[in-house]
Each structure stands twice: as structure tokens, then as C-alpha cells.
Amino acid sequence: MCATRNAQSCKNKWTYLKAGYNHVVYIKNASGLSWSDADGVEVSNETKHIWEQIVKVSISLYLHARPGAKPFGNKGFPHFETIDEMMKNGKGGKNKPKGGFVH
């Protein structure tokens, strides 16, 4: 059985996707780790300590933890390019630059 879609469920889904997008933008810009839309960061034994710092306490420009980024350690975000294109074209982010944060 498929869930009924209404304005609130669409808003909730967009909020969820936007949060994932923002976490991926953060990871791509601040982590120094590689990224794959299919596999995420691909955390290994060699990079585990860096990943744990990003998730727990970030010492980057944003100065706060990113616990919401945790799922992307070994799981990609297949919607990134689509949402990025929407933001770039202003269809949901008022002409945000490619890879920019969305509020």
C-alpha cells in the first residue's frame, strides 16, 4: 500500500532530502575525504578517526557537530546531483551556487 501524499508529506520529504543534501555538501567541502554519490565517504580503518571527528565535533568553519552526516559514512546520497541541479537553477534555492547550503 502506498502512502497518501499531501502538502505536509511533500514538505517533510523535501526537508529530509534537503538535510541530506546539506550534509553531503558539508562533507564534500570540509572533510578532506573522498566522496561517492553511490558509496558515500567509504570510511576505512585509515580514515575512521577523521570521520568520527566530523560526525562528533567538527573543527571546520561551521564549528558544530554533524551527527546527521553519520549515515553517509558508507552509504551514498543518490539524490545529490538532482537536488544540486535544482538549487543551481533556482527551482528550490533562489539560484544557490552549485554545492551551496540550502535553508
N, C-alpha and C. Protein backbone atom coordinates (compact mmCIF):
# COMPACT_ATOMS: atom_id res chain seq x y z
N MET A 1 0.84 -1.17 0.00
CA MET A 1 0.00 0.00 0.00
C MET A 1 0.89 1.24 0.00
N CYS A 2 0.57 2.20 -0.81
CA CYS A 2 1.36 3.41 -0.95
C CYS A 2 0.82 4.50 -0.02
N ALA A 3 1.71 5.24 0.60
CA ALA A 3 1.30 6.33 1.49
C ALA A 3 0.66 7.45 0.70
N THR A 4 -0.36 8.04 1.26
CA THR A 4 -1.03 9.17 0.62
C THR A 4 -0.12 10.38 0.68
N ARG A 5 -0.02 11.06 -0.44
CA ARG A 5 0.80 12.27 -0.50
C ARG A 5 -0.10 13.49 -0.32
N ASN A 6 0.33 14.37 0.54
CA ASN A 6 -0.36 15.65 0.71
C ASN A 6 0.72 16.71 0.86
N ALA A 7 0.29 17.94 1.02
CA ALA A 7 1.26 19.04 1.11
C ALA A 7 2.26 18.82 2.25
N GLN A 8 1.77 18.38 3.40
CA GLN A 8 2.66 18.19 4.55
C GLN A 8 3.65 17.05 4.32
N SER A 9 3.21 15.95 3.73
CA SER A 9 4.14 14.84 3.49
C SER A 9 5.19 15.24 2.46
N CYS A 10 4.81 16.04 1.47
CA CYS A 10 5.79 16.52 0.49
C CYS A 10 6.79 17.47 1.15
N LYS A 11 6.29 18.34 2.03
CA LYS A 11 7.18 19.26 2.74
C LYS A 11 8.16 18.48 3.62
N ASN A 12 7.64 17.46 4.32
CA ASN A 12 8.51 16.64 5.18
C ASN A 12 9.58 15.93 4.37
N LYS A 13 9.21 15.38 3.23
CA LYS A 13 10.18 14.69 2.37
C LYS A 13 11.23 15.67 1.87
N TRP A 14 10.81 16.86 1.44
CA TRP A 14 11.76 17.87 0.96
C TRP A 14 12.71 18.28 2.08
N THR A 15 12.20 18.44 3.29
CA THR A 15 13.04 18.79 4.43
C THR A 15 14.08 17.70 4.67
N TYR A 16 13.67 16.45 4.59
CA TYR A 16 14.58 15.31 4.76
C TYR A 16 15.65 15.29 3.66
N LEU A 17 15.23 15.45 2.41
CA LEU A 17 16.19 15.44 1.30
C LEU A 17 17.14 16.62 1.37
N LYS A 18 16.62 17.78 1.75
CA LYS A 18 17.44 18.99 1.86
C LYS A 18 18.50 18.82 2.95
N ALA A 19 18.12 18.19 4.06
CA ALA A 19 19.08 17.94 5.14
C ALA A 19 20.18 17.01 4.65
N GLY A 20 19.82 15.95 3.94
CA GLY A 20 20.82 15.05 3.39
C GLY A 20 21.74 15.76 2.42
N TYR A 21 21.16 16.58 1.57
CA TYR A 21 21.95 17.37 0.61
C TYR A 21 22.95 18.26 1.34
N ASN A 22 22.48 18.98 2.36
CA ASN A 22 23.37 19.87 3.11
C ASN A 22 24.49 19.12 3.81
N HIS A 23 24.20 17.93 4.32
CA HIS A 23 25.26 17.12 4.95
C HIS A 23 26.30 16.71 3.91
N VAL A 24 25.84 16.33 2.72
CA VAL A 24 26.79 15.93 1.68
C VAL A 24 27.62 17.12 1.22
N VAL A 25 27.01 18.28 1.07
CA VAL A 25 27.77 19.49 0.71
C VAL A 25 28.84 19.74 1.75
N TYR A 26 28.47 19.63 3.02
CA TYR A 26 29.42 19.82 4.11
C TYR A 26 30.58 18.82 4.00
N ILE A 27 30.24 17.56 3.80
CA ILE A 27 31.26 16.51 3.70
C ILE A 27 32.20 16.80 2.53
N LYS A 28 31.62 17.14 1.39
CA LYS A 28 32.44 17.41 0.20
C LYS A 28 33.36 18.61 0.39
N ASN A 29 32.88 19.63 1.08
CA ASN A 29 33.65 20.87 1.22
C ASN A 29 34.60 20.89 2.41
N ALA A 30 34.29 20.16 3.47
CA ALA A 30 35.05 20.34 4.70
C ALA A 30 35.85 19.13 5.16
N SER A 31 35.56 17.97 4.65
CA SER A 31 36.13 16.79 5.28
C SER A 31 37.54 16.43 4.84
N GLY A 32 37.89 16.69 3.61
CA GLY A 32 39.17 16.22 3.10
C GLY A 32 39.14 14.75 2.74
N LEU A 33 37.98 14.13 2.85
CA LEU A 33 37.80 12.73 2.48
C LEU A 33 37.18 12.65 1.09
N SER A 34 37.36 11.51 0.44
CA SER A 34 36.75 11.35 -0.87
C SER A 34 35.26 11.10 -0.71
N TRP A 35 34.49 11.32 -1.77
CA TRP A 35 33.05 11.14 -1.74
C TRP A 35 32.58 10.46 -3.02
N SER A 36 31.62 9.58 -2.88
CA SER A 36 30.96 8.93 -4.00
C SER A 36 29.47 8.99 -3.75
N ASP A 37 28.67 9.45 -4.73
CA ASP A 37 27.22 9.50 -4.55
C ASP A 37 26.65 8.11 -4.32
N ALA A 38 27.33 7.09 -4.80
CA ALA A 38 26.85 5.72 -4.63
C ALA A 38 27.26 5.12 -3.28
N ASP A 39 28.47 5.43 -2.82
CA ASP A 39 29.01 4.77 -1.62
C ASP A 39 29.35 5.71 -0.47
N GLY A 40 29.09 6.98 -0.59
CA GLY A 40 29.41 7.93 0.48
C GLY A 40 30.90 8.13 0.64
N VAL A 41 31.35 8.26 1.87
CA VAL A 41 32.76 8.53 2.18
C VAL A 41 33.60 7.26 2.05
N GLU A 42 32.98 6.12 2.22
CA GLU A 42 33.69 4.84 2.24
C GLU A 42 34.74 4.84 3.35
N VAL A 43 34.26 4.99 4.56
CA VAL A 43 35.13 5.04 5.74
C VAL A 43 35.90 3.73 5.86
N SER A 44 37.20 3.86 6.03
CA SER A 44 38.08 2.69 6.19
C SER A 44 38.77 2.81 7.53
N ASN A 45 39.56 1.83 7.87
CA ASN A 45 40.33 1.90 9.12
C ASN A 45 41.25 3.11 9.13
N GLU A 46 41.78 3.47 7.95
CA GLU A 46 42.70 4.61 7.86
C GLU A 46 42.00 5.95 8.03
N THR A 47 40.72 6.03 7.65
CA THR A 47 40.00 7.31 7.71
C THR A 47 38.96 7.37 8.82
N LYS A 48 38.81 6.31 9.57
CA LYS A 48 37.78 6.24 10.61
C LYS A 48 37.92 7.37 11.63
N HIS A 49 39.13 7.68 12.05
CA HIS A 49 39.32 8.73 13.05
C HIS A 49 38.90 10.11 12.53
N ILE A 50 39.13 10.36 11.25
CA ILE A 50 38.71 11.64 10.66
C ILE A 50 37.18 11.69 10.62
N TRP A 51 36.57 10.60 10.16
CA TRP A 51 35.12 10.54 10.05
C TRP A 51 34.45 10.73 11.42
N GLU A 52 34.98 10.10 12.44
CA GLU A 52 34.40 10.23 13.78
C GLU A 52 34.46 11.67 14.26
N GLN A 53 35.50 12.39 13.93
CA GLN A 53 35.60 13.79 14.32
C GLN A 53 34.58 14.64 13.58
N ILE A 54 34.34 14.34 12.31
CA ILE A 54 33.35 15.09 11.54
C ILE A 54 31.96 14.88 12.13
N VAL A 55 31.66 13.65 12.46
CA VAL A 55 30.33 13.34 12.99
C VAL A 55 30.15 13.87 14.40
N LYS A 56 31.18 13.77 15.25
CA LYS A 56 31.06 14.18 16.65
C LYS A 56 31.25 15.67 16.84
N VAL A 57 32.41 16.15 16.54
CA VAL A 57 32.72 17.57 16.76
C VAL A 57 33.53 18.07 15.59
N SER A 58 32.93 18.93 14.81
CA SER A 58 33.64 19.47 13.66
C SER A 58 34.44 20.69 14.08
N ILE A 59 35.70 20.73 13.65
CA ILE A 59 36.53 21.90 13.94
C ILE A 59 36.71 22.72 12.66
N SER A 60 35.78 22.53 11.73
CA SER A 60 35.84 23.27 10.47
C SER A 60 35.25 24.66 10.67
N LEU A 61 34.96 25.31 9.58
CA LEU A 61 34.38 26.65 9.61
C LEU A 61 33.02 26.69 10.28
N TYR A 62 32.33 25.58 10.31
CA TYR A 62 30.96 25.57 10.82
C TYR A 62 30.88 25.39 12.32
N LEU A 63 31.93 24.92 12.95
CA LEU A 63 32.08 24.84 14.40
C LEU A 63 30.93 24.15 15.13
N HIS A 64 30.39 23.10 14.55
CA HIS A 64 29.40 22.31 15.26
C HIS A 64 29.40 20.88 14.74
N ALA A 65 28.86 20.01 15.55
CA ALA A 65 28.84 18.59 15.19
C ALA A 65 27.89 18.34 14.03
N ARG A 66 28.13 17.28 13.31
CA ARG A 66 27.29 16.86 12.19
C ARG A 66 26.83 15.43 12.39
N PRO A 67 26.10 15.14 13.47
CA PRO A 67 25.66 13.75 13.67
C PRO A 67 24.76 13.26 12.55
N GLY A 68 24.05 14.16 11.89
CA GLY A 68 23.18 13.77 10.78
C GLY A 68 23.94 13.27 9.57
N ALA A 69 25.24 13.52 9.53
CA ALA A 69 26.07 13.06 8.42
C ALA A 69 26.47 11.60 8.59
N LYS A 70 26.26 11.04 9.77
CA LYS A 70 26.73 9.69 10.08
C LYS A 70 26.30 8.64 9.05
N PRO A 71 25.06 8.64 8.55
CA PRO A 71 24.67 7.61 7.58
C PRO A 71 25.49 7.62 6.29
N PHE A 72 26.14 8.73 6.00
CA PHE A 72 26.88 8.85 4.74
C PHE A 72 28.30 8.33 4.82
N GLY A 73 28.66 7.75 5.95
CA GLY A 73 29.99 7.17 6.10
C GLY A 73 30.26 6.07 5.08
N ASN A 74 29.30 5.21 4.88
CA ASN A 74 29.45 4.13 3.90
C ASN A 74 28.18 3.95 3.07
N LYS A 75 27.43 5.01 2.94
CA LYS A 75 26.21 4.99 2.15
C LYS A 75 26.14 6.31 1.39
N GLY A 76 25.89 6.25 0.13
CA GLY A 76 25.85 7.45 -0.68
C GLY A 76 24.54 8.21 -0.56
N PHE A 77 24.41 9.24 -1.35
CA PHE A 77 23.20 10.06 -1.43
C PHE A 77 22.87 10.21 -2.91
N PRO A 78 22.11 9.26 -3.46
CA PRO A 78 21.87 9.24 -4.90
C PRO A 78 21.10 10.44 -5.43
N HIS A 79 20.49 11.22 -4.56
CA HIS A 79 19.71 12.38 -4.99
C HIS A 79 20.55 13.65 -5.11
N PHE A 80 21.85 13.57 -4.79
CA PHE A 80 22.66 14.78 -4.72
C PHE A 80 22.64 15.57 -6.03
N GLU A 81 22.94 14.93 -7.14
CA GLU A 81 23.03 15.65 -8.42
C GLU A 81 21.70 16.29 -8.80
N THR A 82 20.59 15.60 -8.55
CA THR A 82 19.27 16.13 -8.88
C THR A 82 18.97 17.37 -8.03
N ILE A 83 19.19 17.27 -6.73
CA ILE A 83 18.92 18.40 -5.86
C ILE A 83 19.90 19.54 -6.15
N ASP A 84 21.15 19.20 -6.42
CA ASP A 84 22.14 20.22 -6.75
C ASP A 84 21.72 20.98 -8.00
N GLU A 85 21.22 20.27 -8.98
CA GLU A 85 20.75 20.91 -10.22
C GLU A 85 19.56 21.83 -9.93
N MET A 86 18.66 21.39 -9.06
CA MET A 86 17.52 22.23 -8.68
C MET A 86 18.00 23.51 -8.00
N MET A 87 18.97 23.38 -7.11
CA MET A 87 19.48 24.56 -6.42
C MET A 87 20.21 25.49 -7.38
N LYS A 88 20.96 24.91 -8.28
CA LYS A 88 21.71 25.69 -9.25
C LYS A 88 20.77 26.48 -10.16
N ASN A 89 19.64 25.87 -10.50
CA ASN A 89 18.69 26.53 -11.40
C ASN A 89 17.68 27.40 -10.68
N GLY A 90 17.76 27.45 -9.36
CA GLY A 90 16.87 28.32 -8.62
C GLY A 90 15.47 27.77 -8.45
N LYS A 91 15.27 26.50 -8.69
CA LYS A 91 13.93 25.93 -8.58
C LYS A 91 13.60 25.53 -7.15
N GLY A 92 14.43 25.85 -6.24
CA GLY A 92 14.17 25.49 -4.86
C GLY A 92 15.14 26.17 -3.93
N GLY A 93 16.03 26.97 -4.47
CA GLY A 93 17.03 27.57 -3.62
C GLY A 93 17.45 28.96 -4.04
N LYS A 94 16.64 29.64 -4.85
CA LYS A 94 16.91 31.01 -5.26
C LYS A 94 18.32 31.18 -5.80
N ASN A 95 18.65 30.39 -6.81
CA ASN A 95 19.93 30.48 -7.52
C ASN A 95 21.14 30.28 -6.61
N LYS A 96 21.03 29.33 -5.71
CA LYS A 96 22.17 28.99 -4.87
C LYS A 96 23.30 28.49 -5.74
N PRO A 97 24.52 28.78 -5.40
CA PRO A 97 25.65 28.26 -6.18
C PRO A 97 25.72 26.75 -6.09
N LYS A 98 26.29 26.12 -7.10
CA LYS A 98 26.42 24.67 -7.11
C LYS A 98 27.15 24.22 -5.86
N GLY A 99 26.52 23.30 -5.17
CA GLY A 99 27.14 22.77 -3.95
C GLY A 99 26.98 23.69 -2.76
N GLY A 100 26.08 24.66 -2.81
CA GLY A 100 25.87 25.55 -1.69
C GLY A 100 24.85 25.02 -0.71
N PHE A 101 24.88 25.51 0.51
CA PHE A 101 23.93 25.07 1.52
C PHE A 101 22.55 25.61 1.20
N VAL A 102 21.53 24.85 1.52
CA VAL A 102 20.14 25.24 1.28
C VAL A 102 19.45 25.36 2.62
N HIS A 103 18.70 26.43 2.79
CA HIS A 103 17.96 26.65 4.05
C HIS A 103 16.50 26.48 3.81
